[in-house]
N, C-alpha and C. Protein backbone atom coordinates (compact mmCIF):
# COMPACT_ATOMS: atom_id res chain seq x y z
N UNK A 1 36.86 -23.41 87.12
CA UNK A 1 36.46 -24.10 88.24
C UNK A 1 35.02 -23.32 88.68
N UNK A 2 33.84 -24.00 88.61
CA UNK A 2 32.65 -23.23 89.24
C UNK A 2 32.38 -23.34 90.78
N UNK A 3 31.66 -22.56 91.18
CA UNK A 3 31.20 -22.36 92.41
C UNK A 3 30.78 -23.81 93.18
N UNK A 4 30.00 -24.41 92.09
CA UNK A 4 29.41 -25.82 92.43
C UNK A 4 30.46 -26.70 92.73
N UNK A 5 31.53 -26.65 91.90
CA UNK A 5 32.68 -27.71 91.87
C UNK A 5 33.28 -27.24 93.10
N UNK A 6 33.53 -26.11 93.40
CA UNK A 6 34.66 -25.80 94.58
C UNK A 6 33.53 -26.26 95.91
N UNK A 7 32.37 -26.06 95.82
CA UNK A 7 31.80 -26.55 96.84
C UNK A 7 31.66 -27.91 97.14
N UNK A 8 31.68 -28.73 96.08
CA UNK A 8 31.60 -30.04 96.14
C UNK A 8 33.15 -30.59 96.76
N UNK A 9 34.20 -29.84 96.46
CA UNK A 9 35.39 -30.15 96.87
C UNK A 9 35.62 -29.56 98.56
N UNK A 10 34.74 -28.98 98.99
CA UNK A 10 34.56 -28.49 100.14
C UNK A 10 35.18 -29.79 101.27
N UNK A 11 35.73 -29.35 102.29
CA UNK A 11 36.18 -30.61 103.19
C UNK A 11 34.97 -31.07 104.02
N UNK A 12 35.12 -32.04 104.99
CA UNK A 12 34.19 -32.75 105.64
C UNK A 12 33.69 -31.77 106.83
N UNK A 13 34.13 -30.91 107.12
CA UNK A 13 33.80 -30.03 108.12
C UNK A 13 32.86 -28.99 107.58
N UNK A 14 32.46 -29.01 106.12
CA UNK A 14 31.31 -28.27 105.68
C UNK A 14 32.06 -26.66 105.43
N UNK A 15 33.22 -26.54 105.06
CA UNK A 15 33.78 -25.19 105.07
C UNK A 15 33.52 -24.82 103.59
N UNK A 16 32.97 -23.91 103.12
CA UNK A 16 32.90 -23.14 101.91
C UNK A 16 34.11 -22.69 101.38
N UNK A 17 34.38 -23.17 100.05
CA UNK A 17 35.52 -22.55 99.35
C UNK A 17 34.95 -21.74 98.18
N UNK A 18 35.75 -20.51 98.39
CA UNK A 18 35.27 -19.63 97.32
C UNK A 18 36.42 -19.81 96.14
N UNK A 19 36.15 -19.22 94.94
CA UNK A 19 37.17 -19.07 94.05
C UNK A 19 38.51 -18.40 94.68
N UNK A 20 39.49 -18.66 94.04
CA UNK A 20 40.91 -18.04 94.21
C UNK A 20 40.57 -16.42 94.54
N UNK A 21 41.08 -15.58 95.45
CA UNK A 21 41.02 -14.25 95.70
C UNK A 21 41.50 -13.72 94.50
N UNK A 22 42.73 -13.96 93.84
CA UNK A 22 43.19 -13.52 92.65
C UNK A 22 41.87 -13.36 91.48
N UNK A 23 41.38 -14.31 91.49
CA UNK A 23 40.20 -14.54 90.39
C UNK A 23 39.00 -13.79 90.66
N UNK A 24 38.78 -13.54 91.99
CA UNK A 24 37.83 -12.73 92.33
C UNK A 24 37.81 -11.44 92.07
N UNK A 25 38.99 -10.87 92.61
CA UNK A 25 39.34 -9.49 92.32
C UNK A 25 40.04 -8.86 90.93
N UNK A 26 39.98 -9.72 90.07
CA UNK A 26 40.65 -9.62 88.74
C UNK A 26 39.77 -8.71 87.86
N UNK A 27 40.15 -7.89 87.03
CA UNK A 27 39.38 -7.00 86.06
C UNK A 27 38.59 -7.85 85.48
N UNK A 28 37.29 -7.33 85.37
CA UNK A 28 36.22 -8.00 84.73
C UNK A 28 36.34 -7.39 83.07
N UNK A 29 36.46 -8.25 82.11
CA UNK A 29 36.54 -7.85 80.72
C UNK A 29 35.62 -8.32 79.93
N UNK A 30 35.18 -7.42 79.06
CA UNK A 30 34.33 -8.07 78.15
C UNK A 30 34.72 -7.45 76.60
N UNK A 31 34.89 -8.41 75.61
CA UNK A 31 35.32 -7.92 74.19
C UNK A 31 36.69 -8.48 74.26
N UNK A 32 37.36 -8.18 73.10
CA UNK A 32 38.73 -8.67 72.46
C UNK A 32 39.95 -7.78 73.66
N UNK A 33 40.60 -8.52 74.20
CA UNK A 33 41.65 -8.00 74.95
C UNK A 33 42.74 -6.96 74.13
N UNK A 34 42.77 -7.40 72.94
CA UNK A 34 43.63 -6.59 71.98
C UNK A 34 42.98 -5.53 71.44
N UNK A 35 41.71 -5.23 71.53
CA UNK A 35 40.87 -4.22 71.03
C UNK A 35 41.60 -3.02 70.95
N UNK A 36 41.67 -2.04 69.83
CA UNK A 36 42.28 -0.76 69.66
C UNK A 36 41.89 0.23 70.67
N UNK A 37 40.50 0.17 71.20
CA UNK A 37 40.07 1.25 72.32
C UNK A 37 39.91 0.54 73.66
N UNK A 38 40.06 1.13 74.70
CA UNK A 38 39.73 0.57 75.88
C UNK A 38 38.80 1.43 76.55
N UNK A 39 37.50 1.15 76.99
CA UNK A 39 36.75 1.73 77.91
C UNK A 39 36.54 1.11 79.24
N UNK A 40 36.82 1.83 80.29
CA UNK A 40 36.79 1.32 81.69
C UNK A 40 35.48 2.17 82.31
N UNK A 41 34.69 1.21 82.93
CA UNK A 41 33.56 1.85 83.58
C UNK A 41 33.60 1.79 85.23
N UNK A 42 33.50 2.76 85.94
CA UNK A 42 33.33 2.75 87.51
C UNK A 42 31.82 2.98 87.67
N UNK A 43 31.39 2.00 88.36
CA UNK A 43 30.08 1.96 88.60
C UNK A 43 29.68 1.39 90.13
N UNK A 44 28.48 1.78 90.84
CA UNK A 44 28.15 1.04 91.93
C UNK A 44 26.68 0.52 91.52
N UNK A 45 26.40 -0.48 92.04
CA UNK A 45 25.26 -1.58 91.70
C UNK A 45 24.21 -0.95 92.27
N UNK A 46 24.12 -0.22 93.15
CA UNK A 46 22.97 0.68 93.69
C UNK A 46 22.68 2.03 93.13
N UNK A 47 23.60 2.55 92.08
CA UNK A 47 23.26 3.66 91.53
C UNK A 47 22.37 3.69 90.31
N UNK A 48 21.16 4.30 90.26
CA UNK A 48 20.23 4.46 89.22
C UNK A 48 20.90 4.69 87.72
N UNK A 49 21.77 5.92 87.97
CA UNK A 49 22.25 6.26 86.74
C UNK A 49 23.12 5.09 86.01
N UNK A 50 23.75 4.42 86.94
CA UNK A 50 24.72 3.20 86.37
C UNK A 50 23.72 2.21 85.55
N UNK A 51 22.60 1.78 86.44
CA UNK A 51 21.41 0.92 85.92
C UNK A 51 20.97 1.47 84.71
N UNK A 52 20.76 2.59 84.47
CA UNK A 52 20.33 3.28 83.12
C UNK A 52 21.32 3.08 81.99
N UNK A 53 22.56 3.14 82.41
CA UNK A 53 23.64 3.27 81.40
C UNK A 53 23.49 1.53 80.89
N UNK A 54 23.58 0.85 82.01
CA UNK A 54 23.87 -0.75 81.68
C UNK A 54 22.55 -1.09 80.92
N UNK A 55 21.22 -0.65 81.12
CA UNK A 55 20.33 -1.33 80.46
C UNK A 55 19.91 -0.68 79.24
N UNK A 56 20.61 0.40 79.11
CA UNK A 56 20.44 1.06 77.65
C UNK A 56 21.50 1.41 76.75
N UNK A 57 22.31 2.48 77.07
CA UNK A 57 23.46 2.99 76.45
C UNK A 57 24.72 1.63 76.31
N UNK A 58 24.64 1.23 77.38
CA UNK A 58 25.86 0.01 77.25
C UNK A 58 25.46 -1.05 76.47
N UNK A 59 24.13 -1.38 76.46
CA UNK A 59 23.77 -2.61 75.58
C UNK A 59 24.13 -2.31 73.87
N UNK A 60 23.99 -1.05 73.69
CA UNK A 60 24.35 -0.53 72.12
C UNK A 60 25.61 -0.41 72.17
N UNK A 61 26.45 -0.14 72.74
CA UNK A 61 27.94 0.08 72.80
C UNK A 61 28.39 -1.40 72.57
N UNK A 62 27.76 -2.17 73.54
CA UNK A 62 28.37 -3.68 73.40
C UNK A 62 28.05 -4.38 72.03
N UNK A 63 26.91 -4.04 71.63
CA UNK A 63 26.50 -4.50 69.97
C UNK A 63 27.53 -3.80 69.01
N UNK A 64 27.54 -2.55 69.26
CA UNK A 64 28.25 -1.98 68.01
C UNK A 64 29.84 -1.85 68.25
N UNK A 65 30.35 -1.90 69.08
CA UNK A 65 31.65 -1.87 69.51
C UNK A 65 32.41 -3.00 70.33
N UNK A 66 31.85 -3.42 71.13
CA UNK A 66 32.57 -4.57 72.06
C UNK A 66 32.50 -5.86 71.34
N UNK A 67 31.22 -6.20 70.90
CA UNK A 67 31.25 -7.59 70.28
C UNK A 67 31.83 -7.73 68.74
N UNK A 68 32.02 -6.52 68.35
CA UNK A 68 32.75 -6.35 66.83
C UNK A 68 34.24 -5.97 67.00
N UNK A 69 34.72 -6.38 68.18
CA UNK A 69 36.27 -6.35 68.46
C UNK A 69 36.97 -4.74 68.23
N UNK A 70 36.01 -3.82 68.45
CA UNK A 70 36.62 -2.57 68.46
C UNK A 70 36.81 -1.87 69.75
N UNK A 71 36.10 -2.18 70.83
CA UNK A 71 36.25 -2.06 72.42
C UNK A 71 36.59 -3.10 73.16
N UNK A 72 37.60 -2.71 74.04
CA UNK A 72 37.62 -3.74 75.30
C UNK A 72 37.12 -3.07 76.42
N UNK A 73 36.14 -3.77 76.86
CA UNK A 73 35.26 -2.98 78.02
C UNK A 73 35.57 -3.50 79.27
N UNK A 74 36.30 -2.85 80.22
CA UNK A 74 36.50 -3.14 81.60
C UNK A 74 35.51 -2.48 82.54
N UNK A 75 34.96 -3.35 83.51
CA UNK A 75 34.05 -2.90 84.73
C UNK A 75 34.91 -2.90 85.92
N UNK A 76 34.63 -1.80 86.73
CA UNK A 76 35.39 -1.89 88.06
C UNK A 76 34.24 -1.16 89.02
N UNK A 77 34.50 -1.68 90.21
CA UNK A 77 33.60 -1.40 91.02
C UNK A 77 33.80 -0.20 91.90
N UNK A 78 32.67 0.61 92.07
CA UNK A 78 32.95 1.79 92.78
C UNK A 78 31.53 2.01 93.74
N UNK A 79 31.44 0.93 94.71
CA UNK A 79 30.38 1.23 95.43
C UNK A 79 30.25 2.38 96.30
N UNK A 80 28.83 2.52 96.42
CA UNK A 80 28.62 4.02 97.11
C UNK A 80 28.13 3.86 98.37
N UNK A 81 27.66 2.53 98.45
CA UNK A 81 27.06 2.12 99.89
C UNK A 81 27.48 0.72 100.24
N UNK A 82 26.78 0.44 101.51
CA UNK A 82 27.13 -0.88 101.85
C UNK A 82 26.27 -2.14 101.15
N UNK A 83 25.24 -1.66 100.72
CA UNK A 83 24.32 -2.48 99.75
C UNK A 83 25.20 -2.74 98.35
N UNK A 84 25.56 -1.66 97.72
CA UNK A 84 26.16 -1.58 96.70
C UNK A 84 27.48 -2.62 96.52
N UNK A 85 28.35 -2.23 97.88
CA UNK A 85 29.33 -3.15 98.16
C UNK A 85 29.15 -4.69 98.19
N UNK A 86 27.94 -4.93 99.07
CA UNK A 86 27.51 -6.42 99.06
C UNK A 86 27.36 -6.91 97.57
N UNK A 87 26.55 -6.10 96.91
CA UNK A 87 26.29 -6.79 95.48
C UNK A 87 27.64 -6.76 94.59
N UNK A 88 28.53 -5.89 94.81
CA UNK A 88 29.77 -6.20 93.75
C UNK A 88 30.46 -7.42 94.52
N UNK A 89 30.64 -7.66 95.62
CA UNK A 89 31.24 -8.79 96.16
C UNK A 89 30.25 -10.17 95.68
N UNK A 90 29.37 -9.98 95.74
CA UNK A 90 28.48 -11.33 95.64
C UNK A 90 28.66 -11.33 93.89
N UNK A 91 28.74 -10.48 93.10
CA UNK A 91 29.01 -10.66 91.66
C UNK A 91 30.24 -11.20 91.52
N UNK A 92 31.13 -10.87 92.08
CA UNK A 92 32.73 -11.22 92.11
C UNK A 92 32.74 -12.68 92.23
N UNK A 93 32.18 -13.32 93.36
CA UNK A 93 32.26 -14.32 93.73
C UNK A 93 31.32 -15.49 92.88
N UNK A 94 30.57 -15.11 92.01
CA UNK A 94 29.97 -15.88 91.04
C UNK A 94 31.16 -16.36 90.08
N UNK A 95 30.51 -17.54 89.30
CA UNK A 95 31.57 -17.95 88.27
C UNK A 95 31.80 -17.02 87.37
N UNK A 96 33.05 -16.80 87.18
CA UNK A 96 33.66 -15.80 86.24
C UNK A 96 32.91 -15.60 84.74
N UNK A 97 32.67 -16.87 84.15
CA UNK A 97 31.91 -16.56 82.89
C UNK A 97 30.64 -16.28 83.22
N UNK A 98 30.04 -15.94 84.25
CA UNK A 98 28.76 -15.71 84.45
C UNK A 98 28.71 -14.09 84.95
N UNK A 99 29.92 -13.74 85.06
CA UNK A 99 29.81 -12.42 85.87
C UNK A 99 28.89 -11.34 85.31
N UNK A 100 29.09 -11.03 84.04
CA UNK A 100 28.47 -9.87 83.33
C UNK A 100 26.90 -10.22 83.15
N UNK A 101 26.70 -11.62 83.26
CA UNK A 101 25.24 -11.71 83.14
C UNK A 101 24.63 -11.37 84.48
N UNK A 102 25.18 -11.49 85.56
CA UNK A 102 24.86 -11.57 86.81
C UNK A 102 24.81 -9.72 86.95
N UNK A 103 25.71 -9.15 86.75
CA UNK A 103 25.64 -7.62 86.54
C UNK A 103 24.68 -7.04 85.94
N UNK A 104 24.27 -7.68 84.67
CA UNK A 104 22.99 -7.34 83.89
C UNK A 104 21.71 -7.31 84.76
N UNK A 105 21.71 -8.53 85.30
CA UNK A 105 20.40 -9.10 86.45
C UNK A 105 20.45 -7.95 87.38
N UNK A 106 21.52 -7.74 88.15
CA UNK A 106 21.47 -6.68 89.16
C UNK A 106 21.01 -5.65 88.80
N UNK A 107 21.59 -4.87 87.56
CA UNK A 107 21.12 -3.62 87.19
C UNK A 107 19.46 -3.71 86.45
N UNK A 108 19.20 -4.61 85.92
CA UNK A 108 17.87 -4.73 85.48
C UNK A 108 16.83 -4.71 86.49
N UNK A 109 17.23 -5.31 87.52
CA UNK A 109 16.29 -5.63 88.81
C UNK A 109 16.71 -4.72 90.01
N UNK A 110 17.47 -3.83 89.63
CA UNK A 110 17.87 -2.83 90.95
C UNK A 110 16.83 -2.33 91.64
N UNK A 111 15.87 -1.84 91.11
CA UNK A 111 14.76 -1.05 91.73
C UNK A 111 14.14 -1.98 92.88
N UNK A 112 13.77 -3.40 92.34
CA UNK A 112 13.22 -4.27 93.47
C UNK A 112 14.32 -4.80 94.35
N UNK A 113 15.34 -5.38 94.02
CA UNK A 113 16.30 -6.00 95.16
C UNK A 113 16.54 -4.94 96.00
N UNK A 114 17.18 -3.75 95.40
CA UNK A 114 17.82 -2.64 96.40
C UNK A 114 16.94 -2.16 97.49
N UNK A 115 15.46 -1.92 97.06
CA UNK A 115 14.43 -1.33 97.81
C UNK A 115 13.62 -2.63 98.43
N UNK A 116 14.12 -3.67 98.39
CA UNK A 116 13.19 -4.80 99.13
C UNK A 116 13.37 -4.64 100.64
N UNK A 117 12.37 -5.37 101.54
CA UNK A 117 12.51 -5.20 102.82
C UNK A 117 13.61 -6.02 103.49
N UNK A 118 14.15 -6.98 102.47
CA UNK A 118 15.34 -7.76 103.06
C UNK A 118 16.40 -7.69 101.70
N UNK A 119 17.13 -6.62 101.49
CA UNK A 119 17.83 -6.68 100.45
C UNK A 119 18.91 -7.75 100.19
N UNK A 120 19.63 -8.24 101.32
CA UNK A 120 20.40 -9.20 101.34
C UNK A 120 19.80 -10.54 100.73
N UNK A 121 18.55 -10.94 101.19
CA UNK A 121 17.70 -12.15 100.77
C UNK A 121 17.54 -11.82 99.17
N UNK A 122 17.25 -10.75 98.90
CA UNK A 122 16.97 -10.37 97.28
C UNK A 122 18.27 -10.66 96.36
N UNK A 123 19.48 -10.29 96.98
CA UNK A 123 20.90 -10.60 96.45
C UNK A 123 20.91 -11.95 96.47
N UNK A 124 20.58 -12.80 97.50
CA UNK A 124 20.84 -14.17 97.73
C UNK A 124 20.26 -15.01 96.43
N UNK A 125 19.03 -14.26 96.14
CA UNK A 125 18.24 -14.99 95.08
C UNK A 125 19.02 -14.77 93.64
N UNK A 126 19.50 -13.70 93.43
CA UNK A 126 20.36 -13.44 92.28
C UNK A 126 21.57 -14.20 92.23
N UNK A 127 22.17 -14.24 93.38
CA UNK A 127 23.26 -15.41 93.48
C UNK A 127 23.10 -16.85 93.13
N UNK A 128 21.84 -17.32 93.52
CA UNK A 128 21.42 -18.53 93.21
C UNK A 128 21.13 -18.84 91.83
N UNK A 129 20.70 -17.71 91.10
CA UNK A 129 20.49 -17.83 89.54
C UNK A 129 22.00 -18.06 88.85
N UNK A 130 23.09 -17.48 89.57
CA UNK A 130 24.32 -17.83 88.97
C UNK A 130 24.97 -19.11 89.41
N UNK A 131 24.20 -20.00 90.36
CA UNK A 131 24.64 -21.33 90.67
C UNK A 131 25.53 -21.43 91.83
N UNK A 132 25.36 -20.22 92.91
CA UNK A 132 25.79 -20.13 94.15
C UNK A 132 24.87 -20.34 95.05
N UNK A 133 25.28 -21.34 96.14
CA UNK A 133 24.43 -21.59 97.38
C UNK A 133 24.45 -20.45 98.08
N UNK A 134 23.40 -20.62 99.09
CA UNK A 134 23.21 -19.52 100.04
C UNK A 134 24.44 -19.77 101.02
N UNK A 135 25.31 -20.86 101.27
CA UNK A 135 26.41 -20.90 102.04
C UNK A 135 27.54 -20.17 101.52
N UNK A 136 27.76 -20.35 100.13
CA UNK A 136 28.82 -19.66 99.33
C UNK A 136 28.50 -17.95 99.46
N UNK A 137 27.33 -17.72 99.08
CA UNK A 137 26.88 -16.28 99.18
C UNK A 137 27.20 -15.66 100.70
N UNK A 138 26.49 -16.29 101.63
CA UNK A 138 27.08 -15.85 102.98
C UNK A 138 28.56 -15.72 103.24
N UNK A 139 29.17 -16.76 102.65
CA UNK A 139 30.72 -16.64 103.09
C UNK A 139 31.31 -15.33 102.15
N UNK A 140 30.72 -15.36 101.14
CA UNK A 140 31.39 -14.00 100.15
C UNK A 140 31.20 -12.97 100.64
N UNK A 141 30.06 -12.44 101.13
CA UNK A 141 29.65 -10.97 101.34
C UNK A 141 30.26 -10.61 102.98
N UNK A 142 30.70 -11.59 103.50
CA UNK A 142 31.26 -11.34 104.88
C UNK A 142 32.73 -11.49 104.76
N UNK A 143 33.45 -11.87 103.84
CA UNK A 143 34.63 -12.19 103.55
C UNK A 143 35.72 -10.93 103.62
N UNK A 144 36.26 -10.63 104.63
CA UNK A 144 37.22 -9.50 104.94
C UNK A 144 38.30 -9.21 103.55
N UNK A 145 38.78 -10.13 103.07
CA UNK A 145 39.86 -9.82 101.98
C UNK A 145 38.99 -9.62 100.59
N UNK A 146 37.89 -10.00 100.42
CA UNK A 146 37.06 -9.80 99.36
C UNK A 146 36.48 -8.20 99.46
N UNK A 147 36.24 -7.95 100.75
CA UNK A 147 35.66 -6.47 100.98
C UNK A 147 36.92 -5.55 100.76
N UNK A 148 37.90 -6.06 101.32
CA UNK A 148 39.23 -5.07 101.15
C UNK A 148 39.53 -4.97 99.76
N UNK A 149 39.43 -5.89 99.00
CA UNK A 149 39.91 -5.69 97.69
C UNK A 149 39.14 -4.83 96.59
N UNK A 150 37.65 -5.12 97.01
CA UNK A 150 36.68 -4.22 96.33
C UNK A 150 36.87 -2.71 96.79
N UNK A 151 37.38 -2.54 97.84
CA UNK A 151 37.45 -1.16 98.36
C UNK A 151 38.75 -0.60 97.75
N UNK A 152 39.71 -1.65 97.48
CA UNK A 152 40.89 -0.97 96.96
C UNK A 152 40.60 -0.73 95.44
N UNK A 153 39.88 -1.59 94.84
CA UNK A 153 39.45 -1.02 93.40
C UNK A 153 38.63 0.34 93.42
N UNK A 154 38.05 0.41 94.30
CA UNK A 154 37.27 1.77 94.56
C UNK A 154 38.36 2.77 94.53
N UNK A 155 39.04 2.75 95.68
CA UNK A 155 39.90 3.80 96.35
C UNK A 155 41.10 4.08 95.32
N UNK A 156 41.45 2.98 94.57
CA UNK A 156 42.51 3.19 93.30
C UNK A 156 42.07 4.21 92.24
N UNK A 157 40.54 3.75 91.87
CA UNK A 157 39.84 4.54 90.76
C UNK A 157 39.82 6.07 91.27
N UNK A 158 39.47 6.23 92.68
CA UNK A 158 39.38 7.61 93.20
C UNK A 158 40.97 8.32 93.27
N UNK A 159 41.93 7.58 93.48
CA UNK A 159 43.35 8.13 93.48
C UNK A 159 43.92 8.44 91.99
N UNK A 160 43.79 7.49 91.20
CA UNK A 160 44.19 7.40 89.76
C UNK A 160 43.31 8.29 88.85
N UNK A 161 42.23 8.14 88.92
CA UNK A 161 41.38 8.78 87.89
C UNK A 161 40.55 10.01 88.48
N UNK A 162 40.42 10.20 89.80
CA UNK A 162 39.55 11.27 90.56
C UNK A 162 38.15 11.11 90.18
N UNK A 163 37.93 9.77 90.55
CA UNK A 163 36.43 9.38 90.43
C UNK A 163 35.66 9.90 91.38
N UNK A 164 34.83 10.69 91.08
CA UNK A 164 33.86 11.39 92.33
C UNK A 164 32.10 11.06 91.78
N UNK A 165 31.86 10.49 90.73
CA UNK A 165 30.45 10.28 90.64
C UNK A 165 30.33 8.81 89.79
N UNK A 166 29.12 8.24 89.96
CA UNK A 166 29.03 6.98 89.01
C UNK A 166 27.73 7.25 88.21
N UNK A 167 27.76 6.78 86.83
CA UNK A 167 28.84 6.01 86.46
C UNK A 167 30.02 6.86 85.90
N UNK A 168 31.31 6.61 86.00
CA UNK A 168 32.00 7.23 85.27
C UNK A 168 32.92 6.35 84.30
N UNK A 169 32.85 6.84 83.07
CA UNK A 169 33.57 6.22 81.75
C UNK A 169 34.72 6.78 81.46
N UNK A 170 35.96 5.77 81.17
CA UNK A 170 37.03 6.41 80.65
C UNK A 170 37.36 5.56 79.54
N UNK A 171 37.42 6.68 78.43
CA UNK A 171 37.78 5.98 76.95
C UNK A 171 39.06 6.43 76.69
N UNK A 172 40.24 5.33 76.64
CA UNK A 172 41.42 5.64 76.37
C UNK A 172 42.10 6.77 77.08
N UNK A 173 41.40 6.83 78.44
CA UNK A 173 42.08 7.82 79.27
C UNK A 173 41.08 9.14 79.47
N UNK A 174 40.32 9.35 78.65
CA UNK A 174 39.36 10.59 78.67
C UNK A 174 38.26 10.39 79.45
N UNK A 175 37.80 10.96 80.63
CA UNK A 175 36.71 10.72 81.24
C UNK A 175 35.39 11.28 80.96
N UNK A 176 34.25 10.68 81.13
CA UNK A 176 32.90 10.78 80.87
C UNK A 176 32.10 10.68 82.06
N UNK A 177 31.50 11.66 82.69
CA UNK A 177 30.49 11.31 83.87
C UNK A 177 29.40 11.41 83.72
N UNK A 178 28.39 10.60 84.25
CA UNK A 178 27.03 10.63 84.31
C UNK A 178 26.59 9.61 83.31
N UNK A 179 25.40 9.43 83.08
CA UNK A 179 24.66 8.55 82.09
C UNK A 179 24.64 9.30 80.76
N UNK A 180 25.58 9.26 80.11
CA UNK A 180 25.76 10.16 78.54
C UNK A 180 24.94 9.19 77.54
N UNK A 181 24.59 9.84 76.58
CA UNK A 181 23.79 9.11 75.67
C UNK A 181 24.59 8.28 74.61
N UNK A 182 24.16 7.35 73.80
CA UNK A 182 24.92 6.66 72.72
C UNK A 182 25.20 7.52 71.68
N UNK A 183 24.76 8.60 71.62
CA UNK A 183 25.39 9.51 70.46
C UNK A 183 26.50 10.18 70.86
N UNK A 184 26.83 10.49 72.08
CA UNK A 184 28.08 10.96 72.60
C UNK A 184 29.09 9.89 72.65
N UNK A 185 28.76 8.75 73.09
CA UNK A 185 29.78 7.75 72.99
C UNK A 185 30.10 7.37 71.67
N UNK A 186 29.09 7.26 70.49
CA UNK A 186 29.38 6.91 69.15
C UNK A 186 30.51 7.99 68.52
N UNK A 187 30.17 9.23 68.98
CA UNK A 187 31.17 10.33 68.41
C UNK A 187 32.29 10.34 68.87
N UNK A 188 32.59 9.98 70.26
CA UNK A 188 33.94 9.83 70.73
C UNK A 188 34.85 8.53 70.26
N UNK A 189 34.00 7.46 70.06
CA UNK A 189 34.65 6.23 70.01
C UNK A 189 34.78 6.15 68.28
N UNK A 190 34.19 6.65 67.48
CA UNK A 190 34.33 6.64 65.91
C UNK A 190 35.37 7.58 65.71
N UNK A 191 35.53 8.66 66.48
CA UNK A 191 36.72 9.70 66.25
C UNK A 191 38.14 8.78 66.56
N UNK A 192 38.09 8.03 67.55
CA UNK A 192 39.16 7.32 68.28
C UNK A 192 39.50 6.31 67.15
N UNK A 193 38.40 5.72 66.43
CA UNK A 193 38.64 4.52 65.44
C UNK A 193 38.96 4.89 64.05
N UNK A 194 38.97 6.23 63.63
CA UNK A 194 39.65 6.84 62.68
C UNK A 194 41.17 7.31 62.63
N UNK A 195 41.46 7.60 63.90
CA UNK A 195 42.73 7.85 64.11
C UNK A 195 44.01 6.67 63.54
């Protein structure tokens, strides 16, 4: 069900209906769920190094390893500030099939929306690209359950993996912090694939 569909089924009082909370807060996965290697990224949508990773290194990883069934990629939110939290919440409220496209737009345009005089309006424009109405966007970014869920993802990452910086990448449990080069990731991934 898409956001547009849920809005069409809203009651006559004009209440906005968001996707089910379980769907909003579920892990966001690209690639074959049965891939031999699992790569998890903890990132903040306002982190410049995360944007560099997504618009550079990850594009290559996706082409070489994710699309070829070698790596299952899981994206987890680790917002560093309120604006990063709002962006994470908005992306999660977008139709699930558009999630990674929205994340890509957020990172590609990070410099403009994050520094805009009205960043919320800039995020609302990105949400509109995902087919989300202004009403749904407004409901999403103030929803207490979504807020608590995204913060739980962040806090679980901190507790379970001692995440202290973004981006932090876990490859089958091994931690890589910062914006590493494709060469470093190829070395690690190829070594794991040979096992």
